Amino acid sequence: MKPTETHPTGYQIRVEGHLLPQWMDWFDGLTITLEENGDTILTGLVVDQANLHGLLKKVRDLGMPLVSVVQVKYAETHH
């Protein structure tokens, strides 16, 4: 199913380095999880591809290396 406003898609975006929780608002409310290996995982629902690309642009603008982008089921976005 393609993401739409009524059916957003869940994503996990992994970046290298720790991102502080105060950045959550800047990342459209995505959940920020700090991993022991030093990575940060941004998890949440994304309305469409334009929104996803906007989030990835924010990662780029912070200068944080992108490790992976994975589409996940809705339940996996809510730990």
PDB file of N, CA and C in Angstrom:
ATOM      1  N   MET A   1       0.846  -1.174   0.000  1.00  0.00           N
ATOM      2  CA  MET A   1       0.000   0.000   0.000  1.00  0.00           C
ATOM      3  C   MET A   1       0.887   1.232   0.000  1.00  0.00           C
ATOM      4  N   LYS A   2       0.577   2.180  -0.873  1.00  0.00           N
ATOM      5  CA  LYS A   2       1.328   3.418  -0.923  1.00  0.00           C
ATOM      6  C   LYS A   2       0.920   4.314   0.239  1.00  0.00           C
ATOM      7  N   PRO A   3       1.880   5.042   0.830  1.00  0.00           N
ATOM      8  CA  PRO A   3       1.522   5.955   1.915  1.00  0.00           C
ATOM      9  C   PRO A   3       0.634   7.087   1.410  1.00  0.00           C
ATOM     10  N   THR A   4      -0.361   7.441   2.210  1.00  0.00           N
ATOM     11  CA  THR A   4      -1.220   8.583   1.932  1.00  0.00           C
ATOM     12  C   THR A   4      -1.488   9.266   3.257  1.00  0.00           C
ATOM     13  N   GLU A   5      -2.194  10.393   3.227  1.00  0.00           N
ATOM     14  CA  GLU A   5      -2.502  11.069   4.482  1.00  0.00           C
ATOM     15  C   GLU A   5      -3.339  10.193   5.397  1.00  0.00           C
ATOM     16  N   THR A   6      -4.159   9.295   4.824  1.00  0.00           N
ATOM     17  CA  THR A   6      -4.973   8.433   5.669  1.00  0.00           C
ATOM     18  C   THR A   6      -4.257   7.138   6.015  1.00  0.00           C
ATOM     19  N   HIS A   7      -3.202   6.811   5.261  1.00  0.00           N
ATOM     20  CA  HIS A   7      -2.433   5.596   5.523  1.00  0.00           C
ATOM     21  C   HIS A   7      -0.938   5.897   5.477  1.00  0.00           C
ATOM     22  N   PRO A   8      -0.413   6.619   6.470  1.00  0.00           N
ATOM     23  CA  PRO A   8       1.027   6.897   6.466  1.00  0.00           C
ATOM     24  C   PRO A   8       1.820   5.604   6.642  1.00  0.00           C
ATOM     25  N   THR A   9       3.078   5.665   6.291  1.00  0.00           N
ATOM     26  CA  THR A   9       3.962   4.509   6.372  1.00  0.00           C
ATOM     27  C   THR A   9       4.979   4.731   7.484  1.00  0.00           C
ATOM     28  N   GLY A  10       5.303   3.665   8.219  1.00  0.00           N
ATOM     29  CA  GLY A  10       6.307   3.750   9.269  1.00  0.00           C
ATOM     30  C   GLY A  10       7.711   3.595   8.703  1.00  0.00           C
ATOM     31  N   TYR A  11       8.642   4.369   9.270  1.00  0.00           N
ATOM     32  CA  TYR A  11      10.041   4.281   8.858  1.00  0.00           C
ATOM     33  C   TYR A  11      10.948   4.316  10.076  1.00  0.00           C
ATOM     34  N   GLN A  12      12.105   3.656   9.936  1.00  0.00           N
ATOM     35  CA  GLN A  12      13.203   3.785  10.887  1.00  0.00           C
ATOM     36  C   GLN A  12      14.387   4.343  10.096  1.00  0.00           C
ATOM     37  N   ILE A  13      14.851   5.497  10.527  1.00  0.00           N
ATOM     38  CA  ILE A  13      15.997   6.143   9.890  1.00  0.00           C
ATOM     39  C   ILE A  13      17.153   6.073  10.884  1.00  0.00           C
ATOM     40  N   ARG A  14      18.205   5.379  10.497  1.00  0.00           N
ATOM     41  CA  ARG A  14      19.372   5.220  11.382  1.00  0.00           C
ATOM     42  C   ARG A  14      20.479   6.146  10.918  1.00  0.00           C
ATOM     43  N   VAL A  15      21.023   6.923  11.863  1.00  0.00           N
ATOM     44  CA  VAL A  15      22.137   7.819  11.562  1.00  0.00           C
ATOM     45  C   VAL A  15      23.286   7.522  12.515  1.00  0.00           C
ATOM     46  N   GLU A  16      24.472   7.865  12.070  1.00  0.00           N
ATOM     47  CA  GLU A  16      25.671   7.662  12.883  1.00  0.00           C
ATOM     48  C   GLU A  16      25.821   8.843  13.825  1.00  0.00           C
ATOM     49  N   GLY A  17      25.959   8.563  15.107  1.00  0.00           N
ATOM     50  CA  GLY A  17      26.098   9.606  16.120  1.00  0.00           C
ATOM     51  C   GLY A  17      24.825   9.753  16.925  1.00  0.00           C
ATOM     52  N   HIS A  18      24.945  10.348  18.100  1.00  0.00           N
ATOM     53  CA  HIS A  18      23.789  10.544  18.969  1.00  0.00           C
ATOM     54  C   HIS A  18      23.156  11.903  18.730  1.00  0.00           C
ATOM     55  N   LEU A  19      21.846  11.884  18.584  1.00  0.00           N
ATOM     56  CA  LEU A  19      21.049  13.082  18.391  1.00  0.00           C
ATOM     57  C   LEU A  19      20.304  13.346  19.691  1.00  0.00           C
ATOM     58  N   LEU A  20      20.350  14.564  20.178  1.00  0.00           N
ATOM     59  CA  LEU A  20      19.710  14.890  21.449  1.00  0.00           C
ATOM     60  C   LEU A  20      18.185  14.924  21.302  1.00  0.00           C
ATOM     61  N   PRO A  21      17.446  14.515  22.337  1.00  0.00           N
ATOM     62  CA  PRO A  21      15.982  14.452  22.272  1.00  0.00           C
ATOM     63  C   PRO A  21      15.299  15.768  21.914  1.00  0.00           C
ATOM     64  N   GLN A  22      15.924  16.911  22.200  1.00  0.00           N
ATOM     65  CA  GLN A  22      15.275  18.187  21.870  1.00  0.00           C
ATOM     66  C   GLN A  22      15.108  18.379  20.358  1.00  0.00           C
ATOM     67  N   TRP A  23      15.743  17.541  19.541  1.00  0.00           N
ATOM     68  CA  TRP A  23      15.585  17.612  18.093  1.00  0.00           C
ATOM     69  C   TRP A  23      14.292  16.937  17.619  1.00  0.00           C
ATOM     70  N   MET A  24      13.545  16.282  18.523  1.00  0.00           N
ATOM     71  CA  MET A  24      12.354  15.543  18.124  1.00  0.00           C
ATOM     72  C   MET A  24      11.359  16.423  17.374  1.00  0.00           C
ATOM     73  N   ASP A  25      11.134  17.661  17.831  1.00  0.00           N
ATOM     74  CA  ASP A  25      10.201  18.564  17.143  1.00  0.00           C
ATOM     75  C   ASP A  25      10.675  18.878  15.724  1.00  0.00           C
ATOM     76  N   TRP A  26      11.970  19.053  15.553  1.00  0.00           N
ATOM     77  CA  TRP A  26      12.518  19.366  14.237  1.00  0.00           C
ATOM     78  C   TRP A  26      12.308  18.200  13.278  1.00  0.00           C
ATOM     79  N   PHE A  27      12.270  16.988  13.834  1.00  0.00           N
ATOM     80  CA  PHE A  27      12.052  15.790  13.023  1.00  0.00           C
ATOM     81  C   PHE A  27      10.590  15.356  13.057  1.00  0.00           C
ATOM     82  N   ASP A  28       9.683  16.314  13.049  1.00  0.00           N
ATOM     83  CA  ASP A  28       8.244  16.068  12.917  1.00  0.00           C
ATOM     84  C   ASP A  28       7.712  15.060  13.934  1.00  0.00           C
ATOM     85  N   GLY A  29       8.262  15.083  15.150  1.00  0.00           N
ATOM     86  CA  GLY A  29       7.756  14.221  16.209  1.00  0.00           C
ATOM     87  C   GLY A  29       8.202  12.773  16.144  1.00  0.00           C
ATOM     88  N   LEU A  30       9.169  12.451  15.295  1.00  0.00           N
ATOM     89  CA  LEU A  30       9.666  11.078  15.265  1.00  0.00           C
ATOM     90  C   LEU A  30      10.294  10.742  16.616  1.00  0.00           C
ATOM     91  N   THR A  31      10.189   9.500  17.006  1.00  0.00           N
ATOM     92  CA  THR A  31      10.808   9.035  18.246  1.00  0.00           C
ATOM     93  C   THR A  31      12.314   8.922  18.028  1.00  0.00           C
ATOM     94  N   ILE A  32      13.091   9.410  18.986  1.00  0.00           N
ATOM     95  CA  ILE A  32      14.549   9.345  18.910  1.00  0.00           C
ATOM     96  C   ILE A  32      15.039   8.303  19.902  1.00  0.00           C
ATOM     97  N   THR A  33      15.723   7.287  19.380  1.00  0.00           N
ATOM     98  CA  THR A  33      16.278   6.228  20.217  1.00  0.00           C
ATOM     99  C   THR A  33      17.788   6.224  20.056  1.00  0.00           C
ATOM    100  N   LEU A  34      18.498   6.358  21.174  1.00  0.00           N
ATOM    101  CA  LEU A  34      19.964   6.336  21.156  1.00  0.00           C
ATOM    102  C   LEU A  34      20.435   4.905  21.381  1.00  0.00           C
ATOM    103  N   GLU A  35      21.213   4.388  20.460  1.00  0.00           N
ATOM    104  CA  GLU A  35      21.726   3.024  20.542  1.00  0.00           C
ATOM    105  C   GLU A  35      23.074   3.007  21.261  1.00  0.00           C
ATOM    106  N   GLU A  36      23.392   1.882  21.885  1.00  0.00           N
ATOM    107  CA  GLU A  36      24.654   1.760  22.610  1.00  0.00           C
ATOM    108  C   GLU A  36      25.865   1.875  21.694  1.00  0.00           C
ATOM    109  N   ASN A  37      25.694   1.533  20.406  1.00  0.00           N
ATOM    110  CA  ASN A  37      26.824   1.592  19.471  1.00  0.00           C
ATOM    111  C   ASN A  37      27.113   3.004  18.979  1.00  0.00           C
ATOM    112  N   GLY A  38      26.325   3.995  19.471  1.00  0.00           N
ATOM    113  CA  GLY A  38      26.547   5.378  19.087  1.00  0.00           C
ATOM    114  C   GLY A  38      25.613   5.879  18.002  1.00  0.00           C
ATOM    115  N   ASP A  39      24.795   5.007  17.438  1.00  0.00           N
ATOM    116  CA  ASP A  39      23.842   5.413  16.412  1.00  0.00           C
ATOM    117  C   ASP A  39      22.575   5.979  17.049  1.00  0.00           C
ATOM    118  N   THR A  40      21.806   6.704  16.251  1.00  0.00           N
ATOM    119  CA  THR A  40      20.482   7.190  16.635  1.00  0.00           C
ATOM    120  C   THR A  40      19.482   6.619  15.641  1.00  0.00           C
ATOM    121  N   ILE A  41      18.334   6.166  16.151  1.00  0.00           N
ATOM    122  CA  ILE A  41      17.262   5.696  15.284  1.00  0.00           C
ATOM    123  C   ILE A  41      16.083   6.648  15.434  1.00  0.00           C
ATOM    124  N   LEU A  42      15.636   7.192  14.310  1.00  0.00           N
ATOM    125  CA  LEU A  42      14.443   8.029  14.252  1.00  0.00           C
ATOM    126  C   LEU A  42      13.318   7.135  13.739  1.00  0.00           C
ATOM    127  N   THR A  43      12.249   7.015  14.517  1.00  0.00           N
ATOM    128  CA  THR A  43      11.169   6.105  14.160  1.00  0.00           C
ATOM    129  C   THR A  43       9.834   6.823  14.199  1.00  0.00           C
ATOM    130  N   GLY A  44       9.008   6.567  13.197  1.00  0.00           N
ATOM    131  CA  GLY A  44       7.671   7.142  13.203  1.00  0.00           C
ATOM    132  C   GLY A  44       6.976   7.011  11.875  1.00  0.00           C
ATOM    133  N   LEU A  45       5.805   7.615  11.820  1.00  0.00           N
ATOM    134  CA  LEU A  45       4.989   7.568  10.614  1.00  0.00           C
ATOM    135  C   LEU A  45       5.324   8.734   9.693  1.00  0.00           C
ATOM    136  N   VAL A  46       5.386   8.445   8.414  1.00  0.00           N
ATOM    137  CA  VAL A  46       5.700   9.434   7.393  1.00  0.00           C
ATOM    138  C   VAL A  46       4.532   9.461   6.409  1.00  0.00           C
ATOM    139  N   VAL A  47       3.996  10.646   6.168  1.00  0.00           N
ATOM    140  CA  VAL A  47       2.787  10.800   5.358  1.00  0.00           C
ATOM    141  C   VAL A  47       3.008  10.411   3.901  1.00  0.00           C
ATOM    142  N   ASP A  48       4.137  10.845   3.319  1.00  0.00           N
ATOM    143  CA  ASP A  48       4.385  10.570   1.902  1.00  0.00           C
ATOM    144  C   ASP A  48       5.876  10.666   1.610  1.00  0.00           C
ATOM    145  N   GLN A  49       6.243  10.399   0.363  1.00  0.00           N
ATOM    146  CA  GLN A  49       7.647  10.409  -0.033  1.00  0.00           C
ATOM    147  C   GLN A  49       8.271  11.800   0.088  1.00  0.00           C
ATOM    148  N   ALA A  50       7.492  12.833  -0.171  1.00  0.00           N
ATOM    149  CA  ALA A  50       8.020  14.199  -0.034  1.00  0.00           C
ATOM    150  C   ALA A  50       8.414  14.463   1.418  1.00  0.00           C
ATOM    151  N   ASN A  51       7.593  13.997   2.363  1.00  0.00           N
ATOM    152  CA  ASN A  51       7.896  14.153   3.783  1.00  0.00           C
ATOM    153  C   ASN A  51       9.149  13.360   4.148  1.00  0.00           C
ATOM    154  N   LEU A  52       9.276  12.146   3.622  1.00  0.00           N
ATOM    155  CA  LEU A  52      10.457  11.324   3.880  1.00  0.00           C
ATOM    156  C   LEU A  52      11.717  12.020   3.366  1.00  0.00           C
ATOM    157  N   HIS A  53      11.657  12.553   2.168  1.00  0.00           N
ATOM    158  CA  HIS A  53      12.827  13.241   1.611  1.00  0.00           C
ATOM    159  C   HIS A  53      13.158  14.499   2.418  1.00  0.00           C
ATOM    160  N   GLY A  54      12.136  15.172   2.946  1.00  0.00           N
ATOM    161  CA  GLY A  54      12.376  16.329   3.808  1.00  0.00           C
ATOM    162  C   GLY A  54      13.111  15.936   5.082  1.00  0.00           C
ATOM    163  N   LEU A  55      12.724  14.787   5.664  1.00  0.00           N
ATOM    164  CA  LEU A  55      13.410  14.296   6.863  1.00  0.00           C
ATOM    165  C   LEU A  55      14.860  13.949   6.556  1.00  0.00           C
ATOM    166  N   LEU A  56      15.081  13.301   5.416  1.00  0.00           N
ATOM    167  CA  LEU A  56      16.445  12.937   5.033  1.00  0.00           C
ATOM    168  C   LEU A  56      17.294  14.180   4.763  1.00  0.00           C
ATOM    169  N   LYS A  57      16.675  15.228   4.245  1.00  0.00           N
ATOM    170  CA  LYS A  57      17.397  16.487   4.035  1.00  0.00           C
ATOM    171  C   LYS A  57      17.836  17.084   5.370  1.00  0.00           C
ATOM    172  N   LYS A  58      16.985  16.963   6.400  1.00  0.00           N
ATOM    173  CA  LYS A  58      17.346  17.462   7.727  1.00  0.00           C
ATOM    174  C   LYS A  58      18.542  16.699   8.288  1.00  0.00           C
ATOM    175  N   VAL A  59      18.569  15.373   8.074  1.00  0.00           N
ATOM    176  CA  VAL A  59      19.717  14.565   8.503  1.00  0.00           C
ATOM    177  C   VAL A  59      20.968  15.075   7.797  1.00  0.00           C
ATOM    178  N   ARG A  60      20.862  15.291   6.504  1.00  0.00           N
ATOM    179  CA  ARG A  60      21.999  15.803   5.722  1.00  0.00           C
ATOM    180  C   ARG A  60      22.465  17.148   6.250  1.00  0.00           C
ATOM    181  N   ASP A  61      21.495  18.045   6.537  1.00  0.00           N
ATOM    182  CA  ASP A  61      21.836  19.393   7.001  1.00  0.00           C
ATOM    183  C   ASP A  61      22.555  19.370   8.348  1.00  0.00           C
ATOM    184  N   LEU A  62      22.287  18.355   9.167  1.00  0.00           N
ATOM    185  CA  LEU A  62      22.986  18.214  10.449  1.00  0.00           C
ATOM    186  C   LEU A  62      24.391  17.647  10.272  1.00  0.00           C
ATOM    187  N   GLY A  63      24.686  17.112   9.090  1.00  0.00           N
ATOM    188  CA  GLY A  63      26.006  16.533   8.836  1.00  0.00           C
ATOM    189  C   GLY A  63      26.173  15.164   9.458  1.00  0.00           C
ATOM    190  N   MET A  64      25.057  14.491   9.766  1.00  0.00           N
ATOM    191  CA  MET A  64      25.126  13.162  10.373  1.00  0.00           C
ATOM    192  C   MET A  64      25.101  12.111   9.265  1.00  0.00           C
ATOM    193  N   PRO A  65      26.061  11.182   9.260  1.00  0.00           N
ATOM    194  CA  PRO A  65      26.066  10.143   8.236  1.00  0.00           C
ATOM    195  C   PRO A  65      24.807   9.273   8.328  1.00  0.00           C
ATOM    196  N   LEU A  66      24.138   9.070   7.202  1.00  0.00           N
ATOM    197  CA  LEU A  66      22.963   8.215   7.111  1.00  0.00           C
ATOM    198  C   LEU A  66      23.423   6.768   7.027  1.00  0.00           C
ATOM    199  N   VAL A  67      22.907   5.920   7.921  1.00  0.00           N
ATOM    200  CA  VAL A  67      23.274   4.509   7.925  1.00  0.00           C
ATOM    201  C   VAL A  67      22.242   3.695   7.152  1.00  0.00           C
ATOM    202  N   SER A  68      20.948   3.915   7.429  1.00  0.00           N
ATOM    203  CA  SER A  68      19.913   3.155   6.729  1.00  0.00           C
ATOM    204  C   SER A  68      18.557   3.828   6.865  1.00  0.00           C
ATOM    205  N   VAL A  69      17.677   3.484   5.924  1.00  0.00           N
ATOM    206  CA  VAL A  69      16.273   3.881   5.965  1.00  0.00           C
ATOM    207  C   VAL A  69      15.479   2.605   5.706  1.00  0.00           C
ATOM    208  N   VAL A  70      14.620   2.232   6.672  1.00  0.00           N
ATOM    209  CA  VAL A  70      13.873   0.983   6.562  1.00  0.00           C
ATOM    210  C   VAL A  70      12.394   1.254   6.766  1.00  0.00           C
ATOM    211  N   GLN A  71      11.576   0.741   5.847  1.00  0.00           N
ATOM    212  CA  GLN A  71      10.132   0.834   6.015  1.00  0.00           C
ATOM    213  C   GLN A  71       9.708  -0.244   7.006  1.00  0.00           C
ATOM    214  N   VAL A  72       8.896   0.140   7.993  1.00  0.00           N
ATOM    215  CA  VAL A  72       8.458  -0.791   9.031  1.00  0.00           C
ATOM    216  C   VAL A  72       6.944  -0.744   9.164  1.00  0.00           C
ATOM    217  N   LYS A  73       6.396  -1.764   9.790  1.00  0.00           N
ATOM    218  CA  LYS A  73       4.961  -1.790  10.048  1.00  0.00           C
ATOM    219  C   LYS A  73       4.621  -0.791  11.142  1.00  0.00           C
ATOM    220  N   TYR A  74       3.387  -0.312  11.143  1.00  0.00           N
ATOM    221  CA  TYR A  74       2.928   0.697  12.106  1.00  0.00           C
ATOM    222  C   TYR A  74       3.254   0.275  13.540  1.00  0.00           C
ATOM    223  N   ALA A  75       3.014  -0.958  13.922  1.00  0.00           N
ATOM    224  CA  ALA A  75       3.239  -1.413  15.302  1.00  0.00           C
ATOM    225  C   ALA A  75       4.706  -1.255  15.693  1.00  0.00           C
ATOM    226  N   GLU A  76       5.624  -1.360  14.739  1.00  0.00           N
ATOM    227  CA  GLU A  76       7.056  -1.245  15.031  1.00  0.00           C
ATOM    228  C   GLU A  76       7.468   0.201  15.277  1.00  0.00           C
ATOM    229  N   THR A  77       6.609   1.169  14.946  1.00  0.00           N
ATOM    230  CA  THR A  77       6.949   2.562  15.184  1.00  0.00           C
ATOM    231  C   THR A  77       6.553   2.996  16.590  1.00  0.00           C
ATOM    232  N   HIS A  78       5.879   2.143  17.335  1.00  0.00           N
ATOM    233  CA  HIS A  78       5.415   2.450  18.696  1.00  0.00           C
ATOM    234  C   HIS A  78       5.927   1.383  19.650  1.00  0.00           C
ATOM    235  N   HIS A  79       7.098   1.635  20.252  1.00  0.00           N
ATOM    236  CA  HIS A  79       7.739   0.658  21.140  1.00  0.00           C
ATOM    237  C   HIS A  79       6.977   0.545  22.441  1.00  0.00           C
TER     238      HIS A  79
END
